[in-house]
Amino acid sequence: GTLIGVEWKGEHDIIFDFAGSGENNGGSTGGETGDSTEGETGGETGGSTDEGETVSSIPAFGSMYKGCFVLAVNDATATGATLTLLSPKETTGLVYDSSSNEEVEAAITAALPKCSVDGISGWRVPYKAEAQLILANATAIRLAMNEAAATTLPSTGNYYYRMTSGEINAFKIGSSSFAVVTIANTDILRPVTTVAVKLE
């Protein structure tokens, strides 16, 4: 069979072994999917589990799931979905030489645990499509974060995101359109992750 989804880079043929022959199934997870349309996130995905946690109903966009804002609901079926979650935490003041992408990456990797949420893994810098969703839904994010007593989004500020080239850049929150700015140590890190959920 063939599966296409946010967890896959392109299209992969998968061998399903229903006869129990013990052969390994092919395929891989993760990988950049590129820019995408509304409701999809694109970019590398890192779920906290392969199977997905069992839920009574699929969390809706704009709701809070395990203390995180549901930024997107992808690949929803009768049995489950893939959620893109925005952390309720953020940090700033990362130390690096902005001319060195390696230093920027190392600083972000070291800072990600400050923004993690218990029971959820795979936190990473948002890709452009995810950053665009954050910008477009900043008001809804603020309201939901306030109700959950989480760290809300400021009305202005610059947030890290990953360009399609793979390098880190920043975008300006509070702008009417997606405005790219040069990264600086004062920029804010608020990561995202992708998790699978399945219905009971």
C-alpha atoms as a PDB file:
ATOM      1  CA  GLY A   1       0.000   0.000   0.000  1.00  0.00           C
ATOM      2  CA  THR A   2       0.952   3.661  -0.066  1.00  0.00           C
ATOM      3  CA  LEU A   3       0.654   6.181   2.766  1.00  0.00           C
ATOM      4  CA  ILE A   4       0.981   9.928   2.331  1.00  0.00           C
ATOM      5  CA  GLY A   5       0.938  12.212   5.344  1.00  0.00           C
ATOM      6  CA  VAL A   6       2.669  14.795   7.468  1.00  0.00           C
ATOM      7  CA  GLU A   7       4.883  12.116   9.004  1.00  0.00           C
ATOM      8  CA  TRP A   8       6.290  11.156   5.589  1.00  0.00           C
ATOM      9  CA  LYS A   9       8.694  12.931   3.264  1.00  0.00           C
ATOM     10  CA  GLY A  10       7.059  12.430  -0.106  1.00  0.00           C
ATOM     11  CA  GLU A  11       5.583   9.070  -0.979  1.00  0.00           C
ATOM     12  CA  HIS A  12       6.834   5.702   0.291  1.00  0.00           C
ATOM     13  CA  ASP A  13       5.721   2.177  -0.525  1.00  0.00           C
ATOM     14  CA  ILE A  14       4.972   0.207   2.634  1.00  0.00           C
ATOM     15  CA  ILE A  15       4.822  -3.566   2.823  1.00  0.00           C
ATOM     16  CA  PHE A  16       2.157  -4.765   5.231  1.00  0.00           C
ATOM     17  CA  ASP A  17       2.814  -8.215   6.627  1.00  0.00           C
ATOM     18  CA  PHE A  18      -0.565  -9.562   7.693  1.00  0.00           C
ATOM     19  CA  ALA A  19       0.607 -13.152   7.400  1.00  0.00           C
ATOM     20  CA  GLY A  20       3.103 -12.753  10.227  1.00  0.00           C
ATOM     21  CA  SER A  21       6.184 -13.631   8.202  1.00  0.00           C
ATOM     22  CA  GLY A  22       8.287 -11.379  10.430  1.00  0.00           C
ATOM     23  CA  GLU A  23       9.650  -9.186   7.631  1.00  0.00           C
ATOM     24  CA  ASN A  24      10.298  -5.562   8.466  1.00  0.00           C
ATOM     25  CA  ASN A  25       7.948  -2.954   7.112  1.00  0.00           C
ATOM     26  CA  GLY A  26       9.618  -0.275   5.024  1.00  0.00           C
ATOM     27  CA  GLY A  27       9.294   3.470   5.273  1.00  0.00           C
ATOM     28  CA  SER A  28      10.666   6.255   7.394  1.00  0.00           C
ATOM     29  CA  THR A  29       9.393   9.117   9.491  1.00  0.00           C
ATOM     30  CA  GLY A  30      10.221  12.774   9.673  1.00  0.00           C
ATOM     31  CA  GLY A  31      11.644  14.971   6.938  1.00  0.00           C
ATOM     32  CA  GLU A  32      10.723  18.358   5.635  1.00  0.00           C
ATOM     33  CA  THR A  33       7.481  18.521   3.704  1.00  0.00           C
ATOM     34  CA  GLY A  34       7.851  22.126   2.625  1.00  0.00           C
ATOM     35  CA  ASP A  35       5.320  24.943   2.590  1.00  0.00           C
ATOM     36  CA  SER A  36       1.716  23.861   2.743  1.00  0.00           C
ATOM     37  CA  THR A  37      -1.834  25.076   2.584  1.00  0.00           C
ATOM     38  CA  GLU A  38      -3.969  26.293   5.451  1.00  0.00           C
ATOM     39  CA  GLY A  39      -4.574  23.625   8.065  1.00  0.00           C
ATOM     40  CA  GLU A  40      -1.347  21.814   7.262  1.00  0.00           C
ATOM     41  CA  THR A  41       1.970  22.498   8.890  1.00  0.00           C
ATOM     42  CA  GLY A  42       4.811  21.204   6.733  1.00  0.00           C
ATOM     43  CA  GLY A  43       8.347  20.805   8.012  1.00  0.00           C
ATOM     44  CA  GLU A  44       9.937  18.052  10.038  1.00  0.00           C
ATOM     45  CA  THR A  45       7.666  16.361  12.485  1.00  0.00           C
ATOM     46  CA  GLY A  46       8.658  14.717  15.738  1.00  0.00           C
ATOM     47  CA  GLY A  47       5.838  12.964  17.531  1.00  0.00           C
ATOM     48  CA  SER A  48       6.111  11.810  21.125  1.00  0.00           C
ATOM     49  CA  THR A  49       4.856   8.318  20.233  1.00  0.00           C
ATOM     50  CA  ASP A  50       4.540   6.242  17.071  1.00  0.00           C
ATOM     51  CA  GLU A  51       1.141   4.790  17.911  1.00  0.00           C
ATOM     52  CA  GLY A  52      -0.446   7.912  19.365  1.00  0.00           C
ATOM     53  CA  GLU A  53      -2.225   8.464  22.632  1.00  0.00           C
ATOM     54  CA  THR A  54      -5.817   7.332  22.949  1.00  0.00           C
ATOM     55  CA  VAL A  55      -8.362  10.166  23.271  1.00  0.00           C
ATOM     56  CA  SER A  56     -12.150  10.233  23.549  1.00  0.00           C
ATOM     57  CA  SER A  57     -12.379  12.936  20.864  1.00  0.00           C
ATOM     58  CA  ILE A  58      -9.889  14.615  18.563  1.00  0.00           C
ATOM     59  CA  PRO A  59      -8.789  17.969  20.031  1.00  0.00           C
ATOM     60  CA  ALA A  60      -9.937  20.869  17.852  1.00  0.00           C
ATOM     61  CA  PHE A  61      -7.794  23.628  16.438  1.00  0.00           C
ATOM     62  CA  GLY A  62      -7.554  26.434  18.995  1.00  0.00           C
ATOM     63  CA  SER A  63      -8.118  24.162  21.978  1.00  0.00           C
ATOM     64  CA  MET A  64      -5.564  23.208  24.614  1.00  0.00           C
ATOM     65  CA  TYR A  65      -4.208  19.663  24.719  1.00  0.00           C
ATOM     66  CA  LYS A  66      -1.967  18.643  27.633  1.00  0.00           C
ATOM     67  CA  GLY A  67      -1.398  22.324  28.322  1.00  0.00           C
ATOM     68  CA  CYS A  68      -0.369  23.097  24.737  1.00  0.00           C
ATOM     69  CA  PHE A  69      -2.189  25.111  22.079  1.00  0.00           C
ATOM     70  CA  VAL A  70      -3.469  22.995  19.164  1.00  0.00           C
ATOM     71  CA  LEU A  71      -2.016  24.896  16.224  1.00  0.00           C
ATOM     72  CA  ALA A  72      -3.188  22.471  13.537  1.00  0.00           C
ATOM     73  CA  VAL A  73      -5.103  19.226  13.127  1.00  0.00           C
ATOM     74  CA  ASN A  74      -3.834  17.177  10.186  1.00  0.00           C
ATOM     75  CA  ASP A  75      -4.741  13.851   8.606  1.00  0.00           C
ATOM     76  CA  ALA A  76      -7.956  13.538  10.620  1.00  0.00           C
ATOM     77  CA  THR A  77      -9.745  10.239  10.019  1.00  0.00           C
ATOM     78  CA  ALA A  78     -12.408   8.197  11.750  1.00  0.00           C
ATOM     79  CA  THR A  79      -9.687   6.678  13.926  1.00  0.00           C
ATOM     80  CA  GLY A  80      -7.325   9.545  14.784  1.00  0.00           C
ATOM     81  CA  ALA A  81      -5.329  12.580  13.690  1.00  0.00           C
ATOM     82  CA  THR A  82      -1.966  14.309  13.871  1.00  0.00           C
ATOM     83  CA  LEU A  83      -1.760  17.445  16.022  1.00  0.00           C
ATOM     84  CA  THR A  84       0.727  20.279  15.786  1.00  0.00           C
ATOM     85  CA  LEU A  85       1.151  21.675  19.295  1.00  0.00           C
ATOM     86  CA  LEU A  86       2.554  25.041  20.369  1.00  0.00           C
ATOM     87  CA  SER A  87       4.386  25.045  23.676  1.00  0.00           C
ATOM     88  CA  PRO A  88       2.885  27.092  26.541  1.00  0.00           C
ATOM     89  CA  LYS A  89       6.444  28.137  27.434  1.00  0.00           C
ATOM     90  CA  GLU A  90       9.044  30.324  25.775  1.00  0.00           C
ATOM     91  CA  THR A  91      12.554  31.569  26.445  1.00  0.00           C
ATOM     92  CA  THR A  92      14.868  34.289  25.181  1.00  0.00           C
ATOM     93  CA  GLY A  93      18.403  35.566  25.668  1.00  0.00           C
ATOM     94  CA  LEU A  94      20.097  32.731  23.794  1.00  0.00           C
ATOM     95  CA  VAL A  95      23.852  33.189  23.494  1.00  0.00           C
ATOM     96  CA  TYR A  96      25.411  32.686  20.064  1.00  0.00           C
ATOM     97  CA  ASP A  97      27.277  34.358  17.233  1.00  0.00           C
ATOM     98  CA  SER A  98      24.529  35.100  14.704  1.00  0.00           C
ATOM     99  CA  SER A  99      26.992  34.673  11.838  1.00  0.00           C
ATOM    100  CA  SER A 100      27.445  31.005  12.787  1.00  0.00           C
ATOM    101  CA  ASN A 101      24.468  28.779  12.013  1.00  0.00           C
ATOM    102  CA  GLU A 102      26.124  26.007  14.037  1.00  0.00           C
ATOM    103  CA  GLU A 103      26.204  28.231  17.140  1.00  0.00           C
ATOM    104  CA  VAL A 104      22.572  29.234  16.615  1.00  0.00           C
ATOM    105  CA  GLU A 105      21.527  25.587  16.310  1.00  0.00           C
ATOM    106  CA  ALA A 106      23.507  24.620  19.407  1.00  0.00           C
ATOM    107  CA  ALA A 107      22.006  27.458  21.452  1.00  0.00           C
ATOM    108  CA  ILE A 108      18.474  26.512  20.422  1.00  0.00           C
ATOM    109  CA  THR A 109      19.057  22.825  21.137  1.00  0.00           C
ATOM    110  CA  ALA A 110      20.327  23.728  24.609  1.00  0.00           C
ATOM    111  CA  ALA A 111      17.319  25.993  25.252  1.00  0.00           C
ATOM    112  CA  LEU A 112      14.551  23.639  24.052  1.00  0.00           C
ATOM    113  CA  PRO A 113      14.256  21.768  27.393  1.00  0.00           C
ATOM    114  CA  LYS A 114      13.232  25.052  29.037  1.00  0.00           C
ATOM    115  CA  CYS A 115      10.121  25.046  26.848  1.00  0.00           C
ATOM    116  CA  SER A 116       9.260  21.358  27.009  1.00  0.00           C
ATOM    117  CA  VAL A 117       6.089  19.920  28.503  1.00  0.00           C
ATOM    118  CA  ASP A 118       6.035  16.721  30.570  1.00  0.00           C
ATOM    119  CA  GLY A 119       4.856  13.725  28.586  1.00  0.00           C
ATOM    120  CA  ILE A 120       5.435  15.342  25.194  1.00  0.00           C
ATOM    121  CA  SER A 121       8.648  15.085  23.192  1.00  0.00           C
ATOM    122  CA  GLY A 122       9.975  16.138  19.807  1.00  0.00           C
ATOM    123  CA  TRP A 123      10.056  19.897  20.481  1.00  0.00           C
ATOM    124  CA  ARG A 124      11.622  21.921  17.665  1.00  0.00           C
ATOM    125  CA  VAL A 125      11.730  25.339  16.020  1.00  0.00           C
ATOM    126  CA  PRO A 126       8.591  25.997  13.911  1.00  0.00           C
ATOM    127  CA  TYR A 127       8.903  25.787  10.155  1.00  0.00           C
ATOM    128  CA  LYS A 128       7.651  28.682   8.037  1.00  0.00           C
ATOM    129  CA  ALA A 129       4.147  27.288   7.537  1.00  0.00           C
ATOM    130  CA  GLU A 130       3.840  26.788  11.304  1.00  0.00           C
ATOM    131  CA  ALA A 131       5.225  30.267  11.997  1.00  0.00           C
ATOM    132  CA  GLN A 132       2.606  31.670   9.618  1.00  0.00           C
ATOM    133  CA  LEU A 133      -0.100  29.861  11.599  1.00  0.00           C
ATOM    134  CA  ILE A 134       1.244  31.359  14.835  1.00  0.00           C
ATOM    135  CA  LEU A 135       1.157  34.842  13.330  1.00  0.00           C
ATOM    136  CA  ALA A 136      -2.322  34.415  11.822  1.00  0.00           C
ATOM    137  CA  ASN A 137      -3.791  33.049  15.045  1.00  0.00           C
ATOM    138  CA  ALA A 138      -1.909  35.158  17.602  1.00  0.00           C
ATOM    139  CA  THR A 139      -5.110  36.518  19.173  1.00  0.00           C
ATOM    140  CA  ALA A 140      -6.632  33.053  19.622  1.00  0.00           C
ATOM    141  CA  ILE A 141      -3.325  31.799  21.056  1.00  0.00           C
ATOM    142  CA  ARG A 142      -3.212  34.674  23.566  1.00  0.00           C
ATOM    143  CA  LEU A 143      -6.760  34.004  24.740  1.00  0.00           C
ATOM    144  CA  ALA A 144      -6.212  30.267  25.123  1.00  0.00           C
ATOM    145  CA  MET A 145      -2.869  30.714  26.871  1.00  0.00           C
ATOM    146  CA  ASN A 146      -4.350  33.291  29.256  1.00  0.00           C
ATOM    147  CA  GLU A 147      -7.198  30.957  30.198  1.00  0.00           C
ATOM    148  CA  ALA A 148      -4.694  28.160  30.796  1.00  0.00           C
ATOM    149  CA  ALA A 149      -2.426  30.450  32.870  1.00  0.00           C
ATOM    150  CA  ALA A 150       0.392  29.781  30.408  1.00  0.00           C
ATOM    151  CA  THR A 151       2.954  32.230  29.049  1.00  0.00           C
ATOM    152  CA  THR A 152       0.988  34.211  26.483  1.00  0.00           C
ATOM    153  CA  LEU A 153       2.291  35.710  23.241  1.00  0.00           C
ATOM    154  CA  PRO A 154       3.400  39.333  23.484  1.00  0.00           C
ATOM    155  CA  SER A 155       1.821  41.858  21.139  1.00  0.00           C
ATOM    156  CA  THR A 156       5.241  42.553  19.621  1.00  0.00           C
ATOM    157  CA  GLY A 157       8.505  40.653  19.421  1.00  0.00           C
ATOM    158  CA  ASN A 158      10.536  38.426  17.151  1.00  0.00           C
ATOM    159  CA  TYR A 159      10.264  34.642  17.167  1.00  0.00           C
ATOM    160  CA  TYR A 160      12.613  32.024  15.740  1.00  0.00           C
ATOM    161  CA  TYR A 161      11.505  29.864  12.833  1.00  0.00           C
ATOM    162  CA  ARG A 162      13.256  27.492  10.427  1.00  0.00           C
ATOM    163  CA  MET A 163      13.419  28.481   6.785  1.00  0.00           C
ATOM    164  CA  THR A 164      12.866  25.940   4.014  1.00  0.00           C
ATOM    165  CA  SER A 165      16.638  26.082   3.468  1.00  0.00           C
ATOM    166  CA  GLY A 166      17.030  24.667   6.980  1.00  0.00           C
ATOM    167  CA  GLU A 167      18.628  27.754   8.525  1.00  0.00           C
ATOM    168  CA  ILE A 168      17.166  29.619  11.484  1.00  0.00           C
ATOM    169  CA  ASN A 169      15.622  33.051  11.020  1.00  0.00           C
ATOM    170  CA  ALA A 170      13.041  35.143  12.860  1.00  0.00           C
ATOM    171  CA  PHE A 171       9.603  36.611  12.147  1.00  0.00           C
ATOM    172  CA  LYS A 172       7.875  39.562  13.747  1.00  0.00           C
ATOM    173  CA  ILE A 173       4.786  38.866  15.852  1.00  0.00           C
ATOM    174  CA  GLY A 174       2.151  41.600  15.725  1.00  0.00           C
ATOM    175  CA  SER A 175       2.763  42.293  12.051  1.00  0.00           C
ATOM    176  CA  SER A 176      -0.145  42.272   9.596  1.00  0.00           C
ATOM    177  CA  SER A 177       1.892  40.086   7.234  1.00  0.00           C
ATOM    178  CA  PHE A 178       4.754  37.627   7.605  1.00  0.00           C
ATOM    179  CA  ALA A 179       7.755  39.899   8.179  1.00  0.00           C
ATOM    180  CA  VAL A 180      11.185  38.276   8.302  1.00  0.00           C
ATOM    181  CA  VAL A 181      13.840  39.893  10.502  1.00  0.00           C
ATOM    182  CA  THR A 182      17.502  39.160  11.120  1.00  0.00           C
ATOM    183  CA  ILE A 183      18.015  36.940  14.153  1.00  0.00           C
ATOM    184  CA  ALA A 184      19.273  38.427  17.402  1.00  0.00           C
ATOM    185  CA  ASN A 185      19.912  37.185  20.933  1.00  0.00           C
ATOM    186  CA  THR A 186      16.768  38.986  22.081  1.00  0.00           C
ATOM    187  CA  ASP A 187      14.538  36.834  19.827  1.00  0.00           C
ATOM    188  CA  ILE A 188      12.090  34.443  21.459  1.00  0.00           C
ATOM    189  CA  LEU A 189      12.047  30.650  21.236  1.00  0.00           C
ATOM    190  CA  ARG A 190       8.611  29.035  21.459  1.00  0.00           C
ATOM    191  CA  PRO A 191       8.771  25.539  19.981  1.00  0.00           C
ATOM    192  CA  VAL A 192       6.225  23.232  18.406  1.00  0.00           C
ATOM    193  CA  THR A 193       5.893  19.482  18.161  1.00  0.00           C
ATOM    194  CA  THR A 194       3.734  17.012  16.272  1.00  0.00           C
ATOM    195  CA  VAL A 195       1.914  14.189  18.010  1.00  0.00           C
ATOM    196  CA  ALA A 196      -0.465  11.486  16.884  1.00  0.00           C
ATOM    197  CA  VAL A 197      -3.727  10.752  18.676  1.00  0.00           C
ATOM    198  CA  LYS A 198      -6.136   7.888  18.151  1.00  0.00           C
ATOM    199  CA  LEU A 199      -9.777   7.584  19.092  1.00  0.00           C
ATOM    200  CA  GLU A 200     -10.934   5.121  21.709  1.00  0.00           C
END
